[in-house]
Amino acid sequence: MGAGDVEVYQRMSATPESGGASTLVIMESIVKRAMAMMHKHDPQTQEDGFNLLTPVVTQHCAELIDHFETETDPGVRRWLLELIGMAQSDQALTLLKRELDDDDESLREWAQRGLQQLNSKQARTILRERGLSA
């Protein structure tokens, strides 16, 4: 199990079933849940999985990068790269730069947008060197 696959919360209120002691509640991470949804056949469920991640991309950028690196579904890879770009995190710089050379035009476009959103000196330099607008 990778980091972030499970989040543990301590329930603050004691329950009769617990004999008055606090109990631990194990919940799967938002990323794991969203990834499962994005792999469903129902388009609305897939979209809901994507939307579940949009408010938390910054906190989970490293985890999203890990999923991107192992993902085989082209559509999910595109969504993950979009989300990674939204994170505006320096930890995505190497991935975004690499994906500018991908065979998939959509991945190249999401990589360019991600670098534009990052808007760091390094990101602007990469875009300028490639003749892309910063």
Foldseek 3Di string as FASTA:
>chain_A
DDPQQKDKDWDPFADVVNVRDIDIDIDGGLLVCLVVQLPDPDPVSNVVSLVSCQVPLLVCLVVLVVCLVPDDDPVVNLSSLLSNLSNLDPVCLVVLLVQCPDPDPSSVVSSLSSLVSVPDPVSCVSCVVVVHHD
